Amino acid sequence: MAICNVGGSLVGTRLALKHGSGFVRKLFLLVVSVLILKTGYDAFLK
């Protein structure tokens, strides 16, 4: 688990440095939106 955590932080850092903060903001909003939709689906339709 620690190895995956370190790997994810390295990938995230490189993406942020390469594409800038606008890309990170859009990616963050996309992930949060997907999680909200999944939570709503699990709560109301399952």
PDB file of N, CA and C in Angstrom:
ATOM      1  N   MET A   1       0.825  -1.184   0.000  1.00  0.00           N
ATOM      2  CA  MET A   1       0.000   0.000   0.000  1.00  0.00           C
ATOM      3  C   MET A   1       0.875   1.256   0.000  1.00  0.00           C
ATOM      4  N   ALA A   2       1.957   1.209   0.749  1.00  0.00           N
ATOM      5  CA  ALA A   2       2.851   2.366   0.793  1.00  0.00           C
ATOM      6  C   ALA A   2       3.518   2.592  -0.566  1.00  0.00           C
ATOM      7  N   ILE A   3       3.857   1.499  -1.240  1.00  0.00           N
ATOM      8  CA  ILE A   3       4.488   1.621  -2.559  1.00  0.00           C
ATOM      9  C   ILE A   3       3.525   2.270  -3.548  1.00  0.00           C
ATOM     10  N   CYS A   4       2.266   1.851  -3.518  1.00  0.00           N
ATOM     11  CA  CYS A   4       1.260   2.457  -4.409  1.00  0.00           C
ATOM     12  C   CYS A   4       1.049   3.931  -4.069  1.00  0.00           C
ATOM     13  N   ASN A   5       1.090   4.276  -2.789  1.00  0.00           N
ATOM     14  CA  ASN A   5       0.931   5.665  -2.367  1.00  0.00           C
ATOM     15  C   ASN A   5       2.069   6.526  -2.906  1.00  0.00           C
ATOM     16  N   VAL A   6       3.288   6.028  -2.797  1.00  0.00           N
ATOM     17  CA  VAL A   6       4.447   6.766  -3.308  1.00  0.00           C
ATOM     18  C   VAL A   6       4.372   6.870  -4.828  1.00  0.00           C
ATOM     19  N   GLY A   7       4.017   5.763  -5.491  1.00  0.00           N
ATOM     20  CA  GLY A   7       3.889   5.783  -6.960  1.00  0.00           C
ATOM     21  C   GLY A   7       2.840   6.765  -7.432  1.00  0.00           C
ATOM     22  N   GLY A   8       1.703   6.791  -6.755  1.00  0.00           N
ATOM     23  CA  GLY A   8       0.650   7.726  -7.119  1.00  0.00           C
ATOM     24  C   GLY A   8       1.056   9.169  -6.922  1.00  0.00           C
ATOM     25  N   SER A   9       1.795   9.437  -5.860  1.00  0.00           N
ATOM     26  CA  SER A   9       2.235  10.813  -5.629  1.00  0.00           C
ATOM     27  C   SER A   9       3.253  11.246  -6.681  1.00  0.00           C
ATOM     28  N   LEU A  10       4.121  10.327  -7.098  1.00  0.00           N
ATOM     29  CA  LEU A  10       5.085  10.660  -8.152  1.00  0.00           C
ATOM     30  C   LEU A  10       4.383  10.935  -9.478  1.00  0.00           C
ATOM     31  N   VAL A  11       3.426  10.084  -9.834  1.00  0.00           N
ATOM     32  CA  VAL A  11       2.679  10.285 -11.082  1.00  0.00           C
ATOM     33  C   VAL A  11       1.898  11.594 -11.017  1.00  0.00           C
ATOM     34  N   GLY A  12       1.252  11.851  -9.889  1.00  0.00           N
ATOM     35  CA  GLY A  12       0.488  13.083  -9.734  1.00  0.00           C
ATOM     36  C   GLY A  12       1.356  14.328  -9.815  1.00  0.00           C
ATOM     37  N   THR A  13       2.516  14.264  -9.215  1.00  0.00           N
ATOM     38  CA  THR A  13       3.435  15.401  -9.266  1.00  0.00           C
ATOM     39  C   THR A  13       3.905  15.675 -10.688  1.00  0.00           C
ATOM     40  N   ARG A  14       4.258  14.613 -11.391  1.00  0.00           N
ATOM     41  CA  ARG A  14       4.713  14.789 -12.781  1.00  0.00           C
ATOM     42  C   ARG A  14       3.609  15.322 -13.667  1.00  0.00           C
ATOM     43  N   LEU A  15       2.369  14.831 -13.484  1.00  0.00           N
ATOM     44  CA  LEU A  15       1.250  15.353 -14.270  1.00  0.00           C
ATOM     45  C   LEU A  15       1.023  16.837 -13.975  1.00  0.00           C
ATOM     46  N   ALA A  16       1.101  17.205 -12.706  1.00  0.00           N
ATOM     47  CA  ALA A  16       0.880  18.603 -12.335  1.00  0.00           C
ATOM     48  C   ALA A  16       1.959  19.512 -12.919  1.00  0.00           C
ATOM     49  N   LEU A  17       3.198  19.052 -12.890  1.00  0.00           N
ATOM     50  CA  LEU A  17       4.283  19.882 -13.420  1.00  0.00           C
ATOM     51  C   LEU A  17       4.236  19.956 -14.945  1.00  0.00           C
ATOM     52  N   LYS A  18       3.817  18.881 -15.584  1.00  0.00           N
ATOM     53  CA  LYS A  18       3.810  18.847 -17.044  1.00  0.00           C
ATOM     54  C   LYS A  18       2.620  19.605 -17.638  1.00  0.00           C
ATOM     55  N   HIS A  19       1.432  19.444 -17.048  1.00  0.00           N
ATOM     56  CA  HIS A  19       0.213  19.995 -17.642  1.00  0.00           C
ATOM     57  C   HIS A  19      -0.318  21.243 -16.940  1.00  0.00           C
ATOM     58  N   GLY A  20       0.137  21.540 -15.755  1.00  0.00           N
ATOM     59  CA  GLY A  20      -0.282  22.744 -15.060  1.00  0.00           C
ATOM     60  C   GLY A  20      -1.474  22.547 -14.150  1.00  0.00           C
ATOM     61  N   SER A  21      -1.798  23.604 -13.436  1.00  0.00           N
ATOM     62  CA  SER A  21      -2.851  23.521 -12.424  1.00  0.00           C
ATOM     63  C   SER A  21      -4.252  23.412 -13.031  1.00  0.00           C
ATOM     64  N   GLY A  22      -4.449  23.938 -14.220  1.00  0.00           N
ATOM     65  CA  GLY A  22      -5.759  23.816 -14.862  1.00  0.00           C
ATOM     66  C   GLY A  22      -6.127  22.375 -15.135  1.00  0.00           C
ATOM     67  N   PHE A  23      -5.157  21.598 -15.577  1.00  0.00           N
ATOM     68  CA  PHE A  23      -5.380  20.171 -15.829  1.00  0.00           C
ATOM     69  C   PHE A  23      -5.714  19.439 -14.535  1.00  0.00           C
ATOM     70  N   VAL A  24      -4.977  19.736 -13.483  1.00  0.00           N
ATOM     71  CA  VAL A  24      -5.206  19.088 -12.188  1.00  0.00           C
ATOM     72  C   VAL A  24      -6.596  19.434 -11.669  1.00  0.00           C
ATOM     73  N   ARG A  25      -7.005  20.681 -11.819  1.00  0.00           N
ATOM     74  CA  ARG A  25      -8.326  21.108 -11.359  1.00  0.00           C
ATOM     75  C   ARG A  25      -9.428  20.364 -12.110  1.00  0.00           C
ATOM     76  N   LYS A  26      -9.297  20.246 -13.427  1.00  0.00           N
ATOM     77  CA  LYS A  26     -10.300  19.534 -14.219  1.00  0.00           C
ATOM     78  C   LYS A  26     -10.344  18.054 -13.858  1.00  0.00           C
ATOM     79  N   LEU A  27      -9.184  17.453 -13.680  1.00  0.00           N
ATOM     80  CA  LEU A  27      -9.126  16.040 -13.314  1.00  0.00           C
ATOM     81  C   LEU A  27      -9.750  15.810 -11.944  1.00  0.00           C
ATOM     82  N   PHE A  28      -9.466  16.697 -11.003  1.00  0.00           N
ATOM     83  CA  PHE A  28     -10.043  16.599  -9.656  1.00  0.00           C
ATOM     84  C   PHE A  28     -11.562  16.705  -9.706  1.00  0.00           C
ATOM     85  N   LEU A  29     -12.073  17.666 -10.465  1.00  0.00           N
ATOM     86  CA  LEU A  29     -13.524  17.821 -10.571  1.00  0.00           C
ATOM     87  C   LEU A  29     -14.164  16.607 -11.231  1.00  0.00           C
ATOM     88  N   LEU A  30     -13.499  16.026 -12.215  1.00  0.00           N
ATOM     89  CA  LEU A  30     -14.012  14.823 -12.868  1.00  0.00           C
ATOM     90  C   LEU A  30     -14.101  13.665 -11.876  1.00  0.00           C
ATOM     91  N   VAL A  31     -13.053  13.440 -11.108  1.00  0.00           N
ATOM     92  CA  VAL A  31     -13.042  12.335 -10.148  1.00  0.00           C
ATOM     93  C   VAL A  31     -14.104  12.547  -9.065  1.00  0.00           C
ATOM     94  N   VAL A  32     -14.227  13.760  -8.557  1.00  0.00           N
ATOM     95  CA  VAL A  32     -15.230  14.048  -7.531  1.00  0.00           C
ATOM     96  C   VAL A  32     -16.637  13.856  -8.086  1.00  0.00           C
ATOM     97  N   SER A  33     -16.871  14.281  -9.327  1.00  0.00           N
ATOM     98  CA  SER A  33     -18.190  14.102  -9.943  1.00  0.00           C
ATOM     99  C   SER A  33     -18.538  12.629 -10.099  1.00  0.00           C
ATOM    100  N   VAL A  34     -17.573  11.836 -10.536  1.00  0.00           N
ATOM    101  CA  VAL A  34     -17.810  10.398 -10.687  1.00  0.00           C
ATOM    102  C   VAL A  34     -18.116   9.759  -9.334  1.00  0.00           C
ATOM    103  N   LEU A  35     -17.404  10.150  -8.300  1.00  0.00           N
ATOM    104  CA  LEU A  35     -17.665   9.595  -6.973  1.00  0.00           C
ATOM    105  C   LEU A  35     -19.043  10.003  -6.447  1.00  0.00           C
ATOM    106  N   ILE A  36     -19.462  11.236  -6.718  1.00  0.00           N
ATOM    107  CA  ILE A  36     -20.792  11.681  -6.304  1.00  0.00           C
ATOM    108  C   ILE A  36     -21.864  10.891  -7.032  1.00  0.00           C
ATOM    109  N   LEU A  37     -21.692  10.687  -8.337  1.00  0.00           N
ATOM    110  CA  LEU A  37     -22.667   9.904  -9.103  1.00  0.00           C
ATOM    111  C   LEU A  37     -22.717   8.460  -8.617  1.00  0.00           C
ATOM    112  N   LYS A  38     -21.588   7.866  -8.331  1.00  0.00           N
ATOM    113  CA  LYS A  38     -21.556   6.491  -7.846  1.00  0.00           C
ATOM    114  C   LYS A  38     -22.238   6.376  -6.489  1.00  0.00           C
ATOM    115  N   THR A  39     -21.991   7.337  -5.606  1.00  0.00           N
ATOM    116  CA  THR A  39     -22.624   7.319  -4.296  1.00  0.00           C
ATOM    117  C   THR A  39     -24.138   7.448  -4.422  1.00  0.00           C
ATOM    118  N   GLY A  40     -24.596   8.350  -5.297  1.00  0.00           N
ATOM    119  CA  GLY A  40     -26.030   8.479  -5.525  1.00  0.00           C
ATOM    120  C   GLY A  40     -26.639   7.223  -6.117  1.00  0.00           C
ATOM    121  N   TYR A  41     -25.944   6.598  -7.037  1.00  0.00           N
ATOM    122  CA  TYR A  41     -26.428   5.349  -7.629  1.00  0.00           C
ATOM    123  C   TYR A  41     -26.533   4.260  -6.563  1.00  0.00           C
ATOM    124  N   ASP A  42     -25.512   4.128  -5.747  1.00  0.00           N
ATOM    125  CA  ASP A  42     -25.518   3.098  -4.698  1.00  0.00           C
ATOM    126  C   ASP A  42     -26.605   3.354  -3.668  1.00  0.00           C
ATOM    127  N   ALA A  43     -26.865   4.610  -3.366  1.00  0.00           N
ATOM    128  CA  ALA A  43     -27.837   4.938  -2.323  1.00  0.00           C
ATOM    129  C   ALA A  43     -29.283   4.810  -2.803  1.00  0.00           C
ATOM    130  N   PHE A  44     -29.564   5.187  -4.041  1.00  0.00           N
ATOM    131  CA  PHE A  44     -30.952   5.276  -4.471  1.00  0.00           C
ATOM    132  C   PHE A  44     -31.390   4.208  -5.471  1.00  0.00           C
ATOM    133  N   LEU A  45     -30.474   3.661  -6.237  1.00  0.00           N
ATOM    134  CA  LEU A  45     -30.877   2.731  -7.276  1.00  0.00           C
ATOM    135  C   LEU A  45     -30.464   1.294  -7.033  1.00  0.00           C
ATOM    136  N   LYS A  46     -29.731   1.042  -5.998  1.00  0.00           N
ATOM    137  CA  LYS A  46     -29.289  -0.317  -5.721  1.00  0.00           C
ATOM    138  C   LYS A  46     -30.061  -0.943  -4.606  1.00  0.00           C
TER     139      LYS A  46
END
